[in-house]
């Protein structure tokens, strides 16, 4: 019986995760569609910023020492 209970808990956890994923995806998609339609002008945030840039005064600034490493990695 413990095994069945454990499986049910894992199934429920997976369903919760799947529901959250769908909600987040729908919210980001709605922002993107609004941006393309011109009704949303904010920054669409999804995940983390790349490690070789930083956002300052609503524009991207390269971090020189990290850009060099990123370019080297891409060249390989």
PDB file of N, CA and C in Angstrom:
ATOM      1  N   UNK A   1       0.821  -1.200   0.000  1.00  0.00           N
ATOM      2  CA  UNK A   1       0.000   0.000   0.000  1.00  0.00           C
ATOM      3  C   UNK A   1       0.869   1.270   0.000  1.00  0.00           C
ATOM      4  N   UNK A   2       2.033   1.183   0.677  1.00  0.00           N
ATOM      5  CA  UNK A   2       2.934   2.347   0.706  1.00  0.00           C
ATOM      6  C   UNK A   2       3.415   2.711  -0.691  1.00  0.00           C
ATOM      7  N   UNK A   3       3.668   1.702  -1.512  1.00  0.00           N
ATOM      8  CA  UNK A   3       4.114   1.950  -2.879  1.00  0.00           C
ATOM      9  C   UNK A   3       3.038   2.662  -3.687  1.00  0.00           C
ATOM     10  N   UNK A   4       1.806   2.238  -3.553  1.00  0.00           N
ATOM     11  CA  UNK A   4       0.692   2.864  -4.276  1.00  0.00           C
ATOM     12  C   UNK A   4       0.541   4.313  -3.836  1.00  0.00           C
ATOM     13  N   UNK A   5       0.617   4.553  -2.532  1.00  0.00           N
ATOM     14  CA  UNK A   5       0.510   5.916  -2.028  1.00  0.00           C
ATOM     15  C   UNK A   5       1.637   6.788  -2.578  1.00  0.00           C
ATOM     16  N   UNK A   6       2.848   6.269  -2.576  1.00  0.00           N
ATOM     17  CA  UNK A   6       3.985   7.017  -3.108  1.00  0.00           C
ATOM     18  C   UNK A   6       3.774   7.355  -4.581  1.00  0.00           C
ATOM     19  N   UNK A   7       3.293   6.403  -5.335  1.00  0.00           N
ATOM     20  CA  UNK A   7       3.035   6.653  -6.756  1.00  0.00           C
ATOM     21  C   UNK A   7       1.969   7.730  -6.951  1.00  0.00           C
ATOM     22  N   UNK A   8       0.916   7.679  -6.138  1.00  0.00           N
ATOM     23  CA  UNK A   8      -0.134   8.695  -6.246  1.00  0.00           C
ATOM     24  C   UNK A   8       0.405  10.090  -5.922  1.00  0.00           C
ATOM     25  N   UNK A   9       1.256  10.189  -4.910  1.00  0.00           N
ATOM     26  CA  UNK A   9       1.862  11.480  -4.556  1.00  0.00           C
ATOM     27  C   UNK A   9       2.738  11.982  -5.707  1.00  0.00           C
ATOM     28  N   UNK A  10       3.509  11.084  -6.304  1.00  0.00           N
ATOM     29  CA  UNK A  10       4.368  11.481  -7.429  1.00  0.00           C
ATOM     30  C   UNK A  10       3.542  11.901  -8.646  1.00  0.00           C
ATOM     31  N   UNK A  11       2.449  11.212  -8.905  1.00  0.00           N
ATOM     32  CA  UNK A  11       1.576  11.579 -10.021  1.00  0.00           C
ATOM     33  C   UNK A  11       0.991  12.960  -9.798  1.00  0.00           C
ATOM     34  N   UNK A  12       0.540  13.234  -8.589  1.00  0.00           N
ATOM     35  CA  UNK A  12      -0.033  14.542  -8.274  1.00  0.00           C
ATOM     36  C   UNK A  12       1.018  15.652  -8.402  1.00  0.00           C
ATOM     37  N   UNK A  13       2.216  15.378  -7.937  1.00  0.00           N
ATOM     38  CA  UNK A  13       3.293  16.364  -8.051  1.00  0.00           C
ATOM     39  C   UNK A  13       3.591  16.665  -9.514  1.00  0.00           C
ATOM     40  N   UNK A  14       3.590  15.628 -10.337  1.00  0.00           N
ATOM     41  CA  UNK A  14       3.828  15.832 -11.765  1.00  0.00           C
ATOM     42  C   UNK A  14       2.720  16.666 -12.387  1.00  0.00           C
ATOM     43  N   UNK A  15       1.475  16.398 -11.992  1.00  0.00           N
ATOM     44  CA  UNK A  15       0.350  17.184 -12.518  1.00  0.00           C
ATOM     45  C   UNK A  15       0.467  18.651 -12.127  1.00  0.00           C
ATOM     46  N   UNK A  16       0.861  18.916 -10.891  1.00  0.00           N
ATOM     47  CA  UNK A  16       1.060  20.297 -10.439  1.00  0.00           C
ATOM     48  C   UNK A  16       2.151  20.989 -11.252  1.00  0.00           C
ATOM     49  N   UNK A  17       3.243  20.291 -11.477  1.00  0.00           N
ATOM     50  CA  UNK A  17       4.346  20.843 -12.253  1.00  0.00           C
ATOM     51  C   UNK A  17       3.909  21.127 -13.684  1.00  0.00           C
ATOM     52  N   UNK A  18       3.171  20.211 -14.269  1.00  0.00           N
ATOM     53  CA  UNK A  18       2.682  20.375 -15.637  1.00  0.00           C
ATOM     54  C   UNK A  18       1.728  21.569 -15.739  1.00  0.00           C
ATOM     55  N   UNK A  19       0.846  21.722 -14.748  1.00  0.00           N
ATOM     56  CA  UNK A  19      -0.092  22.845 -14.726  1.00  0.00           C
ATOM     57  C   UNK A  19       0.659  24.169 -14.635  1.00  0.00           C
ATOM     58  N   UNK A  20       1.653  24.240 -13.763  1.00  0.00           N
ATOM     59  CA  UNK A  20       2.437  25.470 -13.615  1.00  0.00           C
ATOM     60  C   UNK A  20       3.178  25.793 -14.906  1.00  0.00           C
ATOM     61  N   UNK A  21       3.755  24.778 -15.536  1.00  0.00           N
ATOM     62  CA  UNK A  21       4.471  24.978 -16.789  1.00  0.00           C
ATOM     63  C   UNK A  21       3.552  25.561 -17.852  1.00  0.00           C
ATOM     64  N   UNK A  22       2.343  25.028 -17.948  1.00  0.00           N
ATOM     65  CA  UNK A  22       1.383  25.520 -18.941  1.00  0.00           C
ATOM     66  C   UNK A  22       0.976  26.954 -18.659  1.00  0.00           C
ATOM     67  N   UNK A  23       0.786  27.298 -17.386  1.00  0.00           N
ATOM     68  CA  UNK A  23       0.394  28.670 -17.027  1.00  0.00           C
ATOM     69  C   UNK A  23       1.503  29.662 -17.356  1.00  0.00           C
ATOM     70  N   UNK A  24       2.735  29.320 -17.015  1.00  0.00           N
ATOM     71  CA  UNK A  24       3.872  30.208 -17.288  1.00  0.00           C
ATOM     72  C   UNK A  24       4.061  30.385 -18.789  1.00  0.00           C
ATOM     73  N   UNK A  25       3.971  29.284 -19.535  1.00  0.00           N
ATOM     74  CA  UNK A  25       4.105  29.347 -20.993  1.00  0.00           C
ATOM     75  C   UNK A  25       3.024  30.231 -21.595  1.00  0.00           C
ATOM     76  N   UNK A  26       1.792  30.091 -21.119  1.00  0.00           N
ATOM     77  CA  UNK A  26       0.690  30.900 -21.639  1.00  0.00           C
ATOM     78  C   UNK A  26       0.897  32.382 -21.330  1.00  0.00           C
ATOM     79  N   UNK A  27       1.395  32.699 -20.133  1.00  0.00           N
ATOM     80  CA  UNK A  27       1.629  34.094 -19.766  1.00  0.00           C
ATOM     81  C   UNK A  27       2.723  34.716 -20.628  1.00  0.00           C
ATOM     82  N   UNK A  28       3.795  33.973 -20.859  1.00  0.00           N
ATOM     83  CA  UNK A  28       4.882  34.494 -21.695  1.00  0.00           C
ATOM     84  C   UNK A  28       4.408  34.650 -23.131  1.00  0.00           C
ATOM     85  N   UNK A  29       3.652  33.664 -23.624  1.00  0.00           N
ATOM     86  CA  UNK A  29       3.122  33.747 -24.988  1.00  0.00           C
ATOM     87  C   UNK A  29       2.217  34.975 -25.139  1.00  0.00           C
ATOM     88  N   UNK A  30       1.392  35.240 -24.120  1.00  0.00           N
ATOM     89  CA  UNK A  30       0.498  36.402 -24.168  1.00  0.00           C
ATOM     90  C   UNK A  30       1.303  37.699 -24.217  1.00  0.00           C
ATOM     91  N   UNK A  31       2.388  37.785 -23.426  1.00  0.00           N
ATOM     92  CA  UNK A  31       3.239  38.976 -23.462  1.00  0.00           C
ATOM     93  C   UNK A  31       3.874  39.140 -24.840  1.00  0.00           C
ATOM     94  N   UNK A  32       4.362  38.051 -25.419  1.00  0.00           N
ATOM     95  CA  UNK A  32       4.995  38.118 -26.743  1.00  0.00           C
ATOM     96  C   UNK A  32       3.998  38.558 -27.803  1.00  0.00           C
ATOM     97  N   UNK A  33       2.799  38.000 -27.753  1.00  0.00           N
ATOM     98  CA  UNK A  33       1.772  38.387 -28.726  1.00  0.00           C
ATOM     99  C   UNK A  33       1.397  39.855 -28.561  1.00  0.00           C
ATOM    100  N   UNK A  34       1.303  40.314 -27.301  1.00  0.00           N
ATOM    101  CA  UNK A  34       1.021  41.729 -27.048  1.00  0.00           C
ATOM    102  C   UNK A  34       2.138  42.622 -27.553  1.00  0.00           C
ATOM    103  N   UNK A  35       3.376  42.182 -27.384  1.00  0.00           N
ATOM    104  CA  UNK A  35       4.521  42.955 -27.871  1.00  0.00           C
ATOM    105  C   UNK A  35       4.491  43.058 -29.394  1.00  0.00           C
ATOM    106  N   UNK A  36       4.190  41.924 -30.068  1.00  0.00           N
ATOM    107  CA  UNK A  36       4.132  41.952 -31.538  1.00  0.00           C
ATOM    108  C   UNK A  36       2.965  42.792 -32.036  1.00  0.00           C
ATOM    109  N   UNK A  37       1.867  42.817 -31.282  1.00  0.00           N
ATOM    110  CA  UNK A  37       0.701  43.600 -31.678  1.00  0.00           C
ATOM    111  C   UNK A  37       0.847  45.075 -31.298  1.00  0.00           C
ATOM    112  N   UNK A  38       1.850  45.383 -30.484  1.00  0.00           N
ATOM    113  CA  UNK A  38       2.072  46.765 -30.082  1.00  0.00           C
ATOM    114  C   UNK A  38       1.285  47.171 -28.852  1.00  0.00           C
ATOM    115  N   UNK A  39       0.655  46.227 -28.154  1.00  0.00           N
ATOM    116  CA  UNK A  39      -0.119  46.561 -26.962  1.00  0.00           C
ATOM    117  C   UNK A  39       0.667  46.352 -25.677  1.00  0.00           C
ATOM    118  N   UNK A  40       1.858  45.759 -25.762  1.00  0.00           N
ATOM    119  CA  UNK A  40       2.715  45.538 -24.599  1.00  0.00           C
ATOM    120  C   UNK A  40       4.097  46.061 -24.939  1.00  0.00           C
ATOM    121  N   UNK A  41       4.612  46.962 -24.097  1.00  0.00           N
ATOM    122  CA  UNK A  41       5.919  47.555 -24.408  1.00  0.00           C
ATOM    123  C   UNK A  41       6.960  47.271 -23.335  1.00  0.00           C
ATOM    124  N   UNK A  42       6.640  46.405 -22.403  1.00  0.00           N
ATOM    125  CA  UNK A  42       7.575  46.090 -21.332  1.00  0.00           C
ATOM    126  C   UNK A  42       8.627  45.085 -21.770  1.00  0.00           C
ATOM    127  N   UNK A  43       9.497  44.738 -20.830  1.00  0.00           N
ATOM    128  CA  UNK A  43      10.534  43.744 -21.075  1.00  0.00           C
ATOM    129  C   UNK A  43       9.948  42.368 -20.782  1.00  0.00           C
ATOM    130  N   UNK A  44      10.099  41.450 -21.715  1.00  0.00           N
ATOM    131  CA  UNK A  44       9.617  40.092 -21.510  1.00  0.00           C
ATOM    132  C   UNK A  44      10.735  39.306 -20.852  1.00  0.00           C
ATOM    133  N   UNK A  45      10.527  38.919 -19.601  1.00  0.00           N
ATOM    134  CA  UNK A  45      11.542  38.215 -18.834  1.00  0.00           C
ATOM    135  C   UNK A  45      11.210  36.734 -18.829  1.00  0.00           C
ATOM    136  N   UNK A  46      12.173  35.942 -19.209  1.00  0.00           N
ATOM    137  CA  UNK A  46      12.001  34.496 -19.193  1.00  0.00           C
ATOM    138  C   UNK A  46      13.352  33.877 -18.871  1.00  0.00           C
ATOM    139  N   UNK A  47      13.488  33.328 -17.704  1.00  0.00           N
ATOM    140  CA  UNK A  47      14.768  32.744 -17.328  1.00  0.00           C
ATOM    141  C   UNK A  47      15.762  33.807 -16.890  1.00  0.00           C
ATOM    142  N   UNK A  48      17.035  33.478 -16.986  1.00  0.00           N
ATOM    143  CA  UNK A  48      18.095  34.382 -16.560  1.00  0.00           C
ATOM    144  C   UNK A  48      18.710  35.087 -17.765  1.00  0.00           C
ATOM    145  N   UNK A  49      19.302  36.250 -17.498  1.00  0.00           N
ATOM    146  CA  UNK A  49      20.034  36.956 -18.547  1.00  0.00           C
ATOM    147  C   UNK A  49      21.320  36.191 -18.846  1.00  0.00           C
ATOM    148  N   UNK A  50      21.830  36.292 -20.078  1.00  0.00           N
ATOM    149  CA  UNK A  50      23.124  35.664 -20.374  1.00  0.00           C
ATOM    150  C   UNK A  50      24.195  36.218 -19.442  1.00  0.00           C
ATOM    151  N   UNK A  51      25.163  35.399 -19.109  1.00  0.00           N
ATOM    152  CA  UNK A  51      26.176  35.797 -18.134  1.00  0.00           C
ATOM    153  C   UNK A  51      27.172  36.815 -18.680  1.00  0.00           C
ATOM    154  N   UNK A  52      27.206  37.031 -19.998  1.00  0.00           N
ATOM    155  CA  UNK A  52      28.186  37.958 -20.557  1.00  0.00           C
ATOM    156  C   UNK A  52      27.599  39.349 -20.822  1.00  0.00           C
ATOM    157  N   UNK A  53      26.356  39.590 -20.386  1.00  0.00           N
ATOM    158  CA  UNK A  53      25.740  40.913 -20.523  1.00  0.00           C
ATOM    159  C   UNK A  53      25.055  41.293 -19.215  1.00  0.00           C
ATOM    160  N   UNK A  54      24.833  42.590 -19.054  1.00  0.00           N
ATOM    161  CA  UNK A  54      24.032  43.080 -17.929  1.00  0.00           C
ATOM    162  C   UNK A  54      23.112  44.174 -18.457  1.00  0.00           C
ATOM    163  N   UNK A  55      22.002  44.356 -17.802  1.00  0.00           N
ATOM    164  CA  UNK A  55      21.016  45.357 -18.220  1.00  0.00           C
ATOM    165  C   UNK A  55      21.236  46.623 -17.397  1.00  0.00           C
ATOM    166  N   UNK A  56      21.508  47.727 -18.077  1.00  0.00           N
ATOM    167  CA  UNK A  56      21.692  49.028 -17.431  1.00  0.00           C
ATOM    168  C   UNK A  56      20.921  50.076 -18.209  1.00  0.00           C
ATOM    169  N   UNK A  57      20.081  50.815 -17.521  1.00  0.00           N
ATOM    170  CA  UNK A  57      19.317  51.902 -18.150  1.00  0.00           C
ATOM    171  C   UNK A  57      18.560  51.427 -19.398  1.00  0.00           C
ATOM    172  N   UNK A  58      17.880  50.296 -19.258  1.00  0.00           N
ATOM    173  CA  UNK A  58      17.071  49.722 -20.341  1.00  0.00           C
ATOM    174  C   UNK A  58      17.854  49.380 -21.595  1.00  0.00           C
ATOM    175  N   UNK A  59      19.134  49.075 -21.463  1.00  0.00           N
ATOM    176  CA  UNK A  59      19.906  48.584 -22.607  1.00  0.00           C
ATOM    177  C   UNK A  59      20.912  47.555 -22.126  1.00  0.00           C
ATOM    178  N   UNK A  60      21.373  46.729 -23.035  1.00  0.00           N
ATOM    179  CA  UNK A  60      22.311  45.664 -22.705  1.00  0.00           C
ATOM    180  C   UNK A  60      23.733  46.180 -22.801  1.00  0.00           C
ATOM    181  N   UNK A  61      24.532  45.880 -21.786  1.00  0.00           N
ATOM    182  CA  UNK A  61      25.952  46.237 -21.767  1.00  0.00           C
ATOM    183  C   UNK A  61      26.759  44.944 -21.709  1.00  0.00           C
ATOM    184  N   UNK A  62      27.752  44.830 -22.582  1.00  0.00           N
ATOM    185  CA  UNK A  62      28.621  43.656 -22.573  1.00  0.00           C
ATOM    186  C   UNK A  62      29.602  43.731 -21.414  1.00  0.00           C
ATOM    187  N   UNK A  63      29.899  42.596 -20.819  1.00  0.00           N
ATOM    188  CA  UNK A  63      30.914  42.495 -19.771  1.00  0.00           C
ATOM    189  C   UNK A  63      32.175  41.979 -20.463  1.00  0.00           C
ATOM    190  N   UNK A  64      33.168  42.859 -20.706  1.00  0.00           N
ATOM    191  CA  UNK A  64      34.302  42.519 -21.570  1.00  0.00           C
ATOM    192  C   UNK A  64      35.005  41.200 -21.249  1.00  0.00           C
ATOM    193  N   UNK A  65      35.312  40.950 -19.979  1.00  0.00           N
ATOM    194  CA  UNK A  65      36.046  39.727 -19.654  1.00  0.00           C
ATOM    195  C   UNK A  65      35.212  38.467 -19.890  1.00  0.00           C
ATOM    196  N   UNK A  66      33.901  38.597 -19.796  1.00  0.00           N
ATOM    197  CA  UNK A  66      33.045  37.435 -20.038  1.00  0.00           C
ATOM    198  C   UNK A  66      32.738  37.262 -21.518  1.00  0.00           C
ATOM    199  N   UNK A  67      32.691  38.353 -22.264  1.00  0.00           N
ATOM    200  CA  UNK A  67      32.451  38.274 -23.709  1.00  0.00           C
ATOM    201  C   UNK A  67      33.592  37.521 -24.378  1.00  0.00           C
ATOM    202  N   UNK A  68      34.822  37.797 -23.954  1.00  0.00           N
ATOM    203  CA  UNK A  68      35.983  37.114 -24.522  1.00  0.00           C
ATOM    204  C   UNK A  68      35.858  35.605 -24.348  1.00  0.00           C
ATOM    205  N   UNK A  69      35.486  35.179 -23.166  1.00  0.00           N
ATOM    206  CA  UNK A  69      35.339  33.736 -22.905  1.00  0.00           C
ATOM    207  C   UNK A  69      34.192  33.144 -23.720  1.00  0.00           C
ATOM    208  N   UNK A  70      33.095  33.864 -23.861  1.00  0.00           N
ATOM    209  CA  UNK A  70      31.963  33.364 -24.640  1.00  0.00           C
ATOM    210  C   UNK A  70      32.341  33.235 -26.114  1.00  0.00           C
ATOM    211  N   UNK A  71      33.043  34.230 -26.650  1.00  0.00           N
ATOM    212  CA  UNK A  71      33.474  34.161 -28.056  1.00  0.00           C
ATOM    213  C   UNK A  71      34.448  33.007 -28.286  1.00  0.00           C
ATOM    214  N   UNK A  72      35.341  32.803 -27.341  1.00  0.00           N
ATOM    215  CA  UNK A  72      36.291  31.691 -27.448  1.00  0.00           C
ATOM    216  C   UNK A  72      35.548  30.350 -27.448  1.00  0.00           C
ATOM    217  N   UNK A  73      34.580  30.216 -26.571  1.00  0.00           N
ATOM    218  CA  UNK A  73      33.791  28.971 -26.507  1.00  0.00           C
ATOM    219  C   UNK A  73      33.040  28.736 -27.823  1.00  0.00           C
ATOM    220  N   UNK A  74      32.483  29.800 -28.391  1.00  0.00           N
ATOM    221  CA  UNK A  74      31.752  29.648 -29.665  1.00  0.00           C
ATOM    222  C   UNK A  74      32.692  29.296 -30.819  1.00  0.00           C
ATOM    223  N   UNK A  75      33.902  29.813 -30.776  1.00  0.00           N
ATOM    224  CA  UNK A  75      34.835  29.516 -31.865  1.00  0.00           C
ATOM    225  C   UNK A  75      35.285  28.056 -31.850  1.00  0.00           C
ATOM    226  N   UNK A  76      35.253  27.444 -30.683  1.00  0.00           N
ATOM    227  CA  UNK A  76      35.650  26.047 -30.572  1.00  0.00           C
ATOM    228  C   UNK A  76      34.575  25.166 -31.160  1.00  0.00           C
TER     229      UNK A  76
END
